[in-house]
Amino acid sequence: MNILELLVKQMNNDDIRMYKSYVKRSGKDLTRLDLRLFEAYRKGKTDDDTFSEENYGKGGSGAFHRLKNRVLNDINKSELLNLFDEHETQPHLLFALYINYYNRNQFELAYRYLLKAEKKAIANEDLRLLDEIYAGFLRLVREISAVNPPEIVQKIRNNEEVLHYRNRLEELSSLVSHRLRSSQNYAPEEMEELKHLAELADKGIRLWLDKGYPVLSFQILKAYCQPLILKGNFKAAAEFLNAKTNLIANTDVINARMSELRIELLIYLTNSLNASGAYDEATHKAEFLKTALEQAGDVLYKKFVYFYYQSLVNAYSELKRPDKSLEILDEMQEKNVAALNPMYEVFLWVNKAVCLFDLKEYAPSAKTISRLYTSRGYKGITDSLKLKIETAELIIRFERGDMDFAEFKIPRLIKDYRLKPKTREYLITSILLNLSTNPDYRFSDIFRDARTELNLLPADTGQELIDYSLWLENRFGSIQKNR
């Protein structure tokens, strides 16, 4: 898919109206090739080669590419017209007008537009653009008497100090994220960048937190929490963010970047509360996250709403409220929250199956597991998680009385995942196979010994979807020497 086709397909109704209005200013003839090509891309009814040959003949590829470039340029221009009144882009467009008039020796006009750009950039906390704007004022010193060089130089120095700090903060935060993503076995304790990020965040809290730089304040809060969370110190992260909840939730949001940071901080808060065992408080703080999402607009809402639902499902699962978790998962499904990312679908179906199991609705639970296998994200998950899912399915089907399934599935599962003795998955599958094939097995010493051995083995990181030991205890009672 070429860039023009990508551009056309993402355009919303407002974008389309603006483009057509822009190009029709020179004529409304619907037979125009530019409009015909635009509609062909929008509706997906043709390809480049077919369109080119139909309208230019076999030797007309050059003319067709010129048409494509014209359509692309017209779309870009119409998009800029759409953006002129946008809060975040307006200072950049005003600065572009300053450059235009400066280059035409219209210095008074250039100065007026530079003043407008400065005002908008300050309101938007666009420190990088302010650096360019102040340099622009210095260029006007010889042309406009109203420019005061000492005042501009002081503004440059003040802005440079904050900008330098913010640039370093963003650099370290990006390096930390990249190192952890690209080298998953790299221990956070070994990361020198993590130490520097924590030091820089401490400096920011002393100097700039809540001191007239709201976007920077949120970046400082995020930078402070990242080292704590990456090192597993969730309680400290939750306590820190809890103390800053009013600042995070009630500060006026000045741009989309700040709105995104606020959402990320509230996600950090709810996840840290869950990770530190404060599940009731996590459900309460999730309401702050919900409010922030609703205020953020459609784009950020769709991007982050999954994490709101995820935090609630995790909290209510730990609170042993499968009915509440299932209610939230049903709402996720109804609102198509998982559509943005295939892995979100995995979360939805896995948790739904477990909730239905906990509610003793075994048939719907088994059906949900089957739905999971056909989801977009299933092929992309790790073998470890696949093994846990298939093991959970065995338990679910056992509760349904589907003994034949265990006889068929377990030998294949042991072979496919190369299960080794003395592991929890090997032990539970062996127990299930024996339970399915021998009615007296549950009363034997062999069953008791297998359960004892299972209890002595720690669960893997990430835990089991269905706690094997707890299920056996609930199903067959505490371990006895004999009946």
Protein backbone atom coordinates (compact mmCIF):
# COMPACT_ATOMS: atom_id res chain seq x y z
CA MET A 1 0.00 0.00 0.00
CA ASN A 2 1.61 3.31 -1.11
CA ILE A 3 1.67 6.49 0.98
CA LEU A 4 -1.18 8.14 -0.94
CA GLU A 5 -3.44 5.12 -0.46
CA LEU A 6 -2.57 4.99 3.25
CA LEU A 7 -3.29 8.69 3.57
CA VAL A 8 -6.68 8.47 1.84
CA LYS A 9 -7.84 5.44 3.84
CA GLN A 10 -7.22 7.12 7.22
CA MET A 11 -9.11 10.31 6.35
CA ASN A 12 -12.28 10.96 8.33
CA ASN A 13 -15.40 12.77 7.06
CA ASP A 14 -14.08 16.22 8.04
CA ASP A 15 -10.80 15.56 6.23
CA ILE A 16 -12.65 14.40 3.10
CA ARG A 17 -14.95 17.45 3.07
CA MET A 18 -12.00 19.81 3.46
CA TYR A 19 -10.05 18.12 0.67
CA LYS A 20 -12.94 18.18 -1.79
CA SER A 21 -13.74 21.78 -0.92
CA TYR A 22 -10.08 22.70 -1.46
CA VAL A 23 -9.66 21.02 -4.85
CA LYS A 24 -13.07 22.11 -6.17
CA ARG A 25 -12.16 25.76 -5.72
CA SER A 26 -10.83 25.60 -9.30
CA GLY A 27 -13.79 23.66 -10.71
CA LYS A 28 -16.43 21.09 -9.71
CA ASP A 29 -16.19 18.72 -12.67
CA LEU A 30 -16.63 15.25 -11.16
CA THR A 31 -14.90 13.71 -14.19
CA ARG A 32 -11.60 15.20 -13.03
CA LEU A 33 -8.96 12.49 -12.71
CA ASP A 34 -7.69 13.71 -9.33
CA LEU A 35 -11.14 13.26 -7.76
CA ARG A 36 -11.63 9.95 -9.54
CA LEU A 37 -8.31 8.62 -8.24
CA PHE A 38 -9.13 9.85 -4.74
CA GLU A 39 -12.49 8.03 -4.78
CA ALA A 40 -10.88 4.89 -6.22
CA TYR A 41 -8.44 4.75 -3.31
CA ARG A 42 -11.11 5.60 -0.75
CA LYS A 43 -13.43 2.82 -1.92
CA GLY A 44 -10.67 0.35 -2.79
CA LYS A 45 -12.13 -0.33 -6.23
CA THR A 46 -8.98 -0.25 -8.37
CA ASP A 47 -5.20 -0.56 -8.36
CA ASP A 48 -2.52 1.74 -9.75
CA ASP A 49 -1.78 -0.25 -12.90
CA THR A 50 -5.45 -0.57 -13.86
CA PHE A 51 -6.22 3.12 -13.22
CA SER A 52 -3.12 4.24 -15.13
CA GLU A 53 -3.85 2.09 -18.17
CA GLU A 54 -7.56 2.99 -18.26
CA ASN A 55 -6.89 6.73 -18.19
CA TYR A 56 -3.44 7.21 -19.74
CA GLY A 57 -2.85 4.12 -21.85
CA LYS A 58 0.06 1.69 -21.62
CA GLY A 59 2.74 4.35 -21.86
CA GLY A 60 1.22 6.80 -19.41
CA SER A 61 2.90 5.80 -16.14
CA GLY A 62 4.76 9.13 -15.92
CA ALA A 63 1.56 11.15 -16.22
CA PHE A 64 -0.12 8.87 -13.66
CA HIS A 65 2.67 9.44 -11.12
CA ARG A 66 2.37 13.22 -11.63
CA LEU A 67 -1.36 12.90 -10.91
CA LYS A 68 -0.62 10.96 -7.73
CA ASN A 69 1.83 13.63 -6.56
CA ARG A 70 -0.74 16.36 -7.22
CA VAL A 71 -3.40 14.53 -5.21
CA LEU A 72 -0.91 13.94 -2.40
CA ASN A 73 0.09 17.62 -2.30
CA ASP A 74 -3.53 18.77 -2.33
CA ILE A 75 -4.40 16.46 0.56
CA ASN A 76 -1.41 17.76 2.54
CA LYS A 77 -2.47 21.37 1.94
CA SER A 78 -6.09 20.68 2.90
CA GLU A 79 -4.93 18.90 6.07
CA LEU A 80 -2.86 21.95 7.03
CA LEU A 81 -5.92 24.15 6.56
CA ASN A 82 -7.78 21.83 8.92
CA LEU A 83 -5.01 22.16 11.48
CA PHE A 84 -4.73 25.95 11.52
CA ASP A 85 -7.06 26.41 14.48
CA GLU A 86 -5.75 23.38 16.40
CA HIS A 87 -4.22 24.35 19.74
CA GLU A 88 -1.00 22.37 19.30
CA THR A 89 -0.26 23.10 15.64
CA GLN A 90 -1.27 26.76 15.50
CA PRO A 91 1.99 28.15 16.98
CA HIS A 92 3.98 26.25 14.32
CA LEU A 93 1.82 27.61 11.52
CA LEU A 94 2.10 31.14 12.91
CA PHE A 95 5.87 30.70 13.04
CA ALA A 96 5.79 29.60 9.39
CA LEU A 97 3.95 32.84 8.56
CA TYR A 98 6.67 34.79 10.38
CA ILE A 99 9.29 33.10 8.14
CA ASN A 100 7.20 33.90 5.07
CA TYR A 101 6.92 37.61 5.85
CA TYR A 102 10.51 37.92 7.07
CA ASN A 103 11.76 36.50 3.76
CA ARG A 104 9.62 39.08 1.93
CA ASN A 105 11.10 41.95 4.01
CA GLN A 106 7.70 42.54 5.65
CA PHE A 107 9.30 42.88 9.07
CA GLU A 108 6.37 44.48 10.91
CA LEU A 109 4.08 41.63 9.83
CA ALA A 110 6.81 39.09 10.68
CA TYR A 111 7.11 40.60 14.17
CA ARG A 112 3.33 40.51 14.75
CA TYR A 113 3.10 36.86 13.79
CA LEU A 114 6.12 36.03 15.92
CA LEU A 115 4.40 37.58 18.95
CA LYS A 116 1.33 35.47 18.26
CA ALA A 117 3.45 32.34 17.90
CA GLU A 118 5.23 33.07 21.19
CA LYS A 119 1.96 33.47 23.07
CA LYS A 120 0.54 30.23 21.65
CA ALA A 121 3.79 28.28 22.23
CA ILE A 122 3.94 29.38 25.89
CA ALA A 123 0.31 28.32 26.40
CA ASN A 124 1.14 24.97 24.79
CA GLU A 125 4.46 24.58 26.68
CA ASP A 126 6.25 24.01 23.38
CA LEU A 127 9.77 24.69 24.60
CA ARG A 128 11.52 23.63 21.40
CA LEU A 129 9.47 26.00 19.29
CA LEU A 130 10.03 28.79 21.82
CA ASP A 131 13.76 28.35 21.28
CA GLU A 132 13.23 29.00 17.54
CA ILE A 133 10.86 31.90 18.24
CA TYR A 134 13.32 33.71 20.50
CA ALA A 135 16.04 33.27 17.86
CA GLY A 136 13.56 34.84 15.42
CA PHE A 137 13.17 37.89 17.64
CA LEU A 138 16.94 38.38 17.65
CA ARG A 139 16.92 38.32 13.84
CA LEU A 140 14.46 41.24 13.95
CA VAL A 141 16.59 43.43 16.23
CA ARG A 142 17.93 45.60 13.36
CA GLU A 143 14.51 45.86 11.72
CA ILE A 144 12.04 46.46 14.61
CA SER A 145 12.72 48.92 17.41
CA ALA A 146 10.17 47.21 19.69
CA VAL A 147 12.49 44.21 20.14
CA ASN A 148 14.44 44.41 23.41
CA PRO A 149 17.59 42.23 23.05
CA PRO A 150 18.45 41.89 26.81
CA GLU A 151 14.89 40.75 27.53
CA ILE A 152 14.99 38.21 24.67
CA VAL A 153 18.40 36.89 25.77
CA GLN A 154 17.08 36.33 29.30
CA LYS A 155 14.06 34.47 27.90
CA ILE A 156 16.42 32.31 25.84
CA ARG A 157 18.52 31.43 28.91
CA ASN A 158 15.49 30.57 31.05
CA ASN A 159 13.97 28.47 28.29
CA GLU A 160 17.26 26.70 27.52
CA GLU A 161 17.65 25.59 31.15
CA VAL A 162 14.22 23.94 31.24
CA LEU A 163 14.53 22.59 27.70
CA HIS A 164 17.93 21.03 28.39
CA TYR A 165 16.54 19.32 31.50
CA ARG A 166 13.45 18.03 29.68
CA ASN A 167 15.50 16.75 26.72
CA ARG A 168 17.75 14.78 29.08
CA LEU A 169 14.71 13.40 30.92
CA GLU A 170 13.14 12.22 27.65
CA GLU A 171 16.43 10.72 26.44
CA LEU A 172 16.91 8.62 29.57
CA SER A 173 13.28 7.52 29.69
CA SER A 174 13.48 6.39 26.04
CA LEU A 175 16.79 4.59 26.59
CA VAL A 176 15.37 2.70 29.56
CA SER A 177 12.27 1.66 27.62
CA HIS A 178 14.35 0.59 24.61
CA ARG A 179 16.89 -1.41 26.62
CA LEU A 180 14.19 -3.34 28.45
CA ARG A 181 12.19 -3.97 25.27
CA SER A 182 15.16 -5.13 23.19
CA SER A 183 16.92 -7.12 25.96
CA GLN A 184 14.24 -8.68 28.11
CA ASN A 185 16.78 -10.59 30.21
CA TYR A 186 18.63 -7.41 31.15
CA ALA A 187 18.13 -6.88 34.87
CA PRO A 188 16.87 -3.39 35.80
CA GLU A 189 19.37 -3.33 38.69
CA GLU A 190 22.20 -3.36 36.12
CA MET A 191 20.94 -0.39 34.14
CA GLU A 192 23.02 2.72 34.71
CA GLU A 193 20.37 4.78 32.86
CA LEU A 194 17.79 3.84 35.48
CA LYS A 195 19.94 5.32 38.24
CA HIS A 196 20.47 8.55 36.28
CA LEU A 197 16.76 8.79 35.51
CA ALA A 198 15.90 8.53 39.21
CA GLU A 199 18.45 11.25 40.05
CA LEU A 200 17.10 13.51 37.31
CA ALA A 201 13.51 13.00 38.51
CA ASP A 202 14.53 13.96 42.07
CA LYS A 203 16.08 17.16 40.70
CA GLY A 204 12.92 17.93 38.74
CA ILE A 205 10.71 17.50 41.80
CA ARG A 206 12.84 20.04 43.65
CA LEU A 207 13.09 22.62 40.86
CA TRP A 208 10.13 22.41 38.46
CA LEU A 209 7.29 20.28 39.80
CA ASP A 210 4.07 22.33 39.74
CA LYS A 211 6.05 25.54 39.00
CA GLY A 212 4.27 26.71 35.86
CA TYR A 213 5.30 23.83 33.62
CA PRO A 214 2.36 21.39 33.79
CA VAL A 215 3.51 19.09 30.97
CA LEU A 216 7.02 18.91 32.40
CA SER A 217 5.56 18.21 35.86
CA PHE A 218 3.76 15.15 34.52
CA GLN A 219 6.95 14.00 32.75
CA ILE A 220 8.83 14.32 36.04
CA LEU A 221 6.22 12.23 37.86
CA LYS A 222 6.43 9.54 35.19
CA ALA A 223 10.25 9.53 35.32
CA TYR A 224 10.15 9.20 39.11
CA CYS A 225 7.88 6.15 38.93
CA GLN A 226 9.60 4.28 36.09
CA PRO A 227 12.63 3.09 38.14
CA LEU A 228 10.39 2.05 41.04
CA ILE A 229 8.06 0.03 38.82
CA LEU A 230 10.85 -1.56 36.77
CA LYS A 231 12.56 -2.71 39.96
CA GLY A 232 9.29 -4.15 41.29
CA ASN A 233 8.87 -1.59 44.07
CA PHE A 234 5.15 -1.22 43.36
CA LYS A 235 4.17 -0.18 46.88
CA ALA A 236 6.51 2.84 46.80
CA ALA A 237 5.24 3.80 43.33
CA ALA A 238 1.62 3.53 44.49
CA GLU A 239 2.29 5.62 47.61
CA PHE A 240 4.08 8.30 45.59
CA LEU A 241 1.34 8.56 42.96
CA ASN A 242 -1.41 8.40 45.57
CA ALA A 243 0.07 11.50 47.20
CA LYS A 244 0.02 13.23 43.79
CA THR A 245 -3.48 12.14 42.72
CA ASN A 246 -5.01 15.61 43.10
CA LEU A 247 -2.22 17.17 41.03
CA ILE A 248 -2.59 14.51 38.33
CA ALA A 249 -6.39 14.47 38.19
CA ASN A 250 -7.20 18.15 38.67
CA THR A 251 -4.49 20.09 36.79
CA ASP A 252 -5.91 21.67 33.63
CA VAL A 253 -4.70 19.74 30.60
CA ILE A 254 -3.19 22.08 27.99
CA ASN A 255 -2.47 19.68 25.11
CA ALA A 256 -2.74 16.08 23.89
CA ARG A 257 0.74 15.20 25.18
CA MET A 258 -0.22 16.22 28.72
CA SER A 259 -3.51 14.35 28.42
CA GLU A 260 -1.60 11.21 27.41
CA LEU A 261 0.83 11.61 30.30
CA ARG A 262 -2.03 11.99 32.77
CA ILE A 263 -3.60 8.76 31.52
CA GLU A 264 -0.25 6.93 31.71
CA LEU A 265 0.29 8.10 35.31
CA LEU A 266 -3.17 6.92 36.36
CA ILE A 267 -2.50 3.56 34.67
CA TYR A 268 0.78 3.36 36.65
CA LEU A 269 -1.21 4.10 39.81
CA THR A 270 -3.92 1.46 39.33
CA ASN A 271 -1.41 -1.19 38.20
CA SER A 272 0.92 -0.44 41.11
CA LEU A 273 -1.98 -0.70 43.57
CA ASN A 274 -2.95 -4.05 42.08
CA ALA A 275 0.65 -5.28 42.13
CA SER A 276 1.04 -4.29 45.80
CA GLY A 277 -2.21 -6.00 46.82
CA ALA A 278 -4.35 -2.88 47.36
CA TYR A 279 -7.17 -4.20 45.17
CA ASP A 280 -10.08 -2.24 46.69
CA GLU A 281 -8.15 1.00 46.31
CA ALA A 282 -7.23 0.05 42.74
CA THR A 283 -10.93 -0.18 41.80
CA HIS A 284 -11.50 3.24 43.37
CA LYS A 285 -8.57 4.92 41.59
CA ALA A 286 -9.64 3.34 38.31
CA GLU A 287 -12.53 5.83 38.31
CA PHE A 288 -9.98 8.67 38.05
CA LEU A 289 -8.54 6.87 35.04
CA LYS A 290 -12.01 6.49 33.51
CA THR A 291 -12.67 10.24 33.90
CA ALA A 292 -9.31 11.12 32.33
CA LEU A 293 -10.04 8.82 29.38
CA GLU A 294 -13.47 10.34 28.80
CA GLN A 295 -11.99 13.84 28.83
CA ALA A 296 -9.08 12.94 26.52
CA GLY A 297 -10.99 12.57 23.26
CA ASP A 298 -11.66 9.64 20.97
CA VAL A 299 -8.08 8.92 19.85
CA LEU A 300 -6.54 8.60 23.32
CA TYR A 301 -9.66 6.90 24.67
CA LYS A 302 -9.39 4.10 22.12
CA LYS A 303 -5.64 3.83 22.67
CA PHE A 304 -5.77 3.43 26.46
CA VAL A 305 -9.27 2.31 27.52
CA TYR A 306 -8.15 -1.34 27.52
CA PHE A 307 -5.91 -0.62 30.52
CA TYR A 308 -8.86 0.71 32.50
CA TYR A 309 -10.76 -2.53 31.98
CA GLN A 310 -7.64 -4.62 32.57
CA SER A 311 -7.00 -3.00 35.96
CA LEU A 312 -10.58 -3.66 37.10
CA VAL A 313 -10.59 -7.27 35.90
CA ASN A 314 -7.30 -7.94 37.70
CA ALA A 315 -8.50 -6.29 40.91
CA TYR A 316 -11.86 -8.07 41.06
CA SER A 317 -10.23 -11.39 40.19
CA GLU A 318 -7.94 -11.03 43.21
CA LEU A 319 -10.92 -9.97 45.34
CA LYS A 320 -12.61 -13.26 44.34
CA ARG A 321 -15.40 -11.45 42.53
CA PRO A 322 -15.65 -13.42 39.27
CA ASP A 323 -19.19 -12.10 38.77
CA LYS A 324 -17.90 -8.52 38.72
CA SER A 325 -14.91 -9.40 36.53
CA LEU A 326 -17.23 -11.14 34.07
CA GLU A 327 -19.50 -8.10 33.96
CA ILE A 328 -16.52 -5.91 33.04
CA LEU A 329 -15.29 -8.39 30.42
CA ASP A 330 -18.76 -8.49 28.86
CA GLU A 331 -18.68 -4.69 28.65
CA MET A 332 -15.24 -4.88 27.00
CA GLN A 333 -16.63 -7.30 24.43
CA GLU A 334 -19.75 -5.22 23.82
CA LYS A 335 -17.70 -2.05 23.25
CA ASN A 336 -15.14 -3.89 21.09
CA VAL A 337 -12.31 -2.64 23.30
CA ALA A 338 -9.97 -5.47 22.26
CA ALA A 339 -10.16 -4.63 18.54
CA LEU A 340 -7.10 -2.35 18.64
CA ASN A 341 -4.58 -5.05 19.58
CA PRO A 342 -4.71 -8.84 19.06
CA MET A 343 -3.15 -9.41 22.49
CA TYR A 344 -6.08 -7.61 24.10
CA GLU A 345 -8.34 -10.31 22.66
CA VAL A 346 -6.22 -12.96 24.37
CA PHE A 347 -6.67 -11.16 27.70
CA LEU A 348 -10.43 -10.94 27.13
CA TRP A 349 -11.02 -14.61 26.29
CA VAL A 350 -8.58 -16.03 28.87
CA ASN A 351 -10.09 -14.06 31.72
CA LYS A 352 -13.64 -14.70 30.57
CA ALA A 353 -13.01 -18.46 30.53
CA VAL A 354 -11.51 -18.36 34.03
CA CYS A 355 -14.39 -16.24 35.42
CA LEU A 356 -16.96 -18.63 33.99
CA PHE A 357 -15.03 -21.54 35.50
CA ASP A 358 -14.99 -19.84 38.92
CA LEU A 359 -18.76 -19.40 38.60
CA LYS A 360 -19.05 -23.15 37.84
CA GLU A 361 -20.35 -22.44 34.33
CA TYR A 362 -18.16 -25.09 32.78
CA ALA A 363 -19.80 -25.44 29.36
CA PRO A 364 -19.60 -21.69 28.53
CA SER A 365 -16.04 -21.67 29.92
CA ALA A 366 -14.97 -24.46 27.57
CA LYS A 367 -16.66 -22.69 24.67
CA THR A 368 -14.76 -19.49 25.50
CA ILE A 369 -11.44 -21.37 25.47
CA SER A 370 -12.32 -22.64 21.98
CA ARG A 371 -13.00 -19.04 20.94
CA LEU A 372 -9.59 -18.06 22.27
CA TYR A 373 -7.83 -20.58 20.00
CA THR A 374 -9.29 -18.84 16.92
CA SER A 375 -8.54 -15.29 18.08
CA ARG A 376 -6.09 -13.05 16.19
CA GLY A 377 -3.55 -12.94 18.99
CA TYR A 378 -3.34 -16.60 20.01
CA LYS A 379 -0.53 -17.54 17.61
CA GLY A 380 1.59 -14.68 18.91
CA ILE A 381 1.60 -15.63 22.59
CA THR A 382 4.43 -17.54 24.27
CA ASP A 383 4.48 -21.34 24.54
CA SER A 384 4.45 -20.93 28.32
CA LEU A 385 1.10 -19.14 28.23
CA LYS A 386 -0.28 -21.58 25.63
CA LEU A 387 0.61 -24.45 27.97
CA LYS A 388 -1.20 -22.78 30.87
CA ILE A 389 -4.26 -22.20 28.67
CA GLU A 390 -4.39 -25.82 27.49
CA THR A 391 -3.88 -27.08 31.04
CA ALA A 392 -6.72 -24.88 32.26
CA GLU A 393 -8.89 -26.30 29.48
CA LEU A 394 -8.20 -29.83 30.75
CA ILE A 395 -9.44 -28.87 34.22
CA ILE A 396 -12.52 -27.15 32.77
CA ARG A 397 -13.39 -30.17 30.65
CA PHE A 398 -12.78 -32.52 33.57
CA GLU A 399 -15.38 -30.58 35.55
CA ARG A 400 -17.74 -31.01 32.61
CA GLY A 401 -17.20 -34.76 32.79
CA ASP A 402 -15.42 -34.89 29.43
CA MET A 403 -13.04 -37.71 30.39
CA ASP A 404 -12.33 -38.78 26.80
CA PHE A 405 -10.91 -35.34 26.06
CA ALA A 406 -8.24 -35.78 28.73
CA GLU A 407 -7.22 -39.21 27.41
CA PHE A 408 -6.82 -37.77 23.91
CA LYS A 409 -5.28 -34.40 24.82
CA ILE A 410 -2.80 -35.11 27.59
CA PRO A 411 -0.30 -37.39 25.76
CA ARG A 412 -0.18 -34.90 22.88
CA LEU A 413 0.26 -31.97 25.29
CA ILE A 414 3.15 -33.71 27.10
CA LYS A 415 4.81 -34.40 23.74
CA ASP A 416 4.20 -30.96 22.15
CA TYR A 417 5.51 -29.00 25.14
CA ARG A 418 8.13 -31.58 26.14
CA LEU A 419 6.90 -31.59 29.70
CA LYS A 420 9.45 -32.81 32.17
CA PRO A 421 8.68 -34.72 35.38
CA LYS A 422 8.90 -32.69 38.59
CA THR A 423 7.11 -29.71 36.99
CA ARG A 424 3.66 -28.49 37.98
CA GLU A 425 2.16 -28.88 34.49
CA TYR A 426 3.48 -32.45 34.17
CA LEU A 427 2.13 -33.40 37.60
CA ILE A 428 -1.34 -31.87 37.12
CA THR A 429 -1.76 -33.41 33.65
CA SER A 430 -0.69 -36.81 35.00
CA ILE A 431 -3.16 -36.47 37.86
CA LEU A 432 -5.95 -35.52 35.43
CA LEU A 433 -5.16 -38.44 33.15
CA ASN A 434 -5.30 -40.88 36.05
CA LEU A 435 -8.51 -39.33 37.41
CA SER A 436 -10.09 -39.66 33.97
CA THR A 437 -9.15 -43.30 33.43
CA ASN A 438 -9.27 -44.81 36.94
CA PRO A 439 -12.27 -44.13 39.23
CA ASP A 440 -10.37 -45.43 42.28
CA TYR A 441 -7.29 -43.29 41.69
CA ARG A 442 -8.62 -40.43 43.86
CA PHE A 443 -8.55 -42.72 46.92
CA SER A 444 -5.01 -43.99 46.40
CA ASP A 445 -1.73 -43.16 48.09
CA ILE A 446 -0.35 -42.39 44.63
CA PHE A 447 -2.90 -39.55 44.27
CA ARG A 448 -2.04 -38.21 47.71
CA ASP A 449 1.70 -38.32 47.00
CA ALA A 450 1.27 -36.60 43.61
CA ARG A 451 -0.70 -33.78 45.24
CA THR A 452 1.91 -33.41 47.97
CA GLU A 453 4.66 -33.20 45.35
CA LEU A 454 2.62 -30.63 43.38
CA ASN A 455 2.18 -28.45 46.49
CA LEU A 456 5.91 -28.47 47.13
CA LEU A 457 6.69 -27.05 43.69
CA PRO A 458 6.39 -23.25 43.42
CA ALA A 459 4.10 -21.81 40.74
CA ASP A 460 5.79 -20.17 37.74
CA THR A 461 6.10 -16.41 37.47
CA GLY A 462 2.78 -15.18 36.15
CA GLN A 463 1.00 -17.97 38.06
CA GLU A 464 -1.50 -20.46 36.72
CA LEU A 465 -4.78 -19.45 35.13
CA ILE A 466 -6.45 -21.93 37.48
CA ASP A 467 -4.51 -22.62 40.67
CA TYR A 468 -3.85 -26.37 40.36
CA SER A 469 -3.31 -27.04 44.07
CA LEU A 470 -6.29 -24.96 45.17
CA TRP A 471 -8.56 -26.61 42.60
CA LEU A 472 -7.58 -30.09 43.79
CA GLU A 473 -8.20 -29.08 47.41
CA ASN A 474 -11.61 -27.58 46.59
CA ARG A 475 -12.54 -30.58 44.43
CA PHE A 476 -11.21 -33.44 46.55
CA GLY A 477 -10.61 -31.94 50.00
CA SER A 478 -7.43 -31.62 52.00
CA ILE A 479 -4.77 -34.26 51.55
CA GLN A 480 -5.54 -37.35 53.65
CA LYS A 481 -3.41 -40.41 54.27
CA ASN A 482 -6.22 -42.64 53.15
CA ARG A 483 -9.99 -42.58 52.96
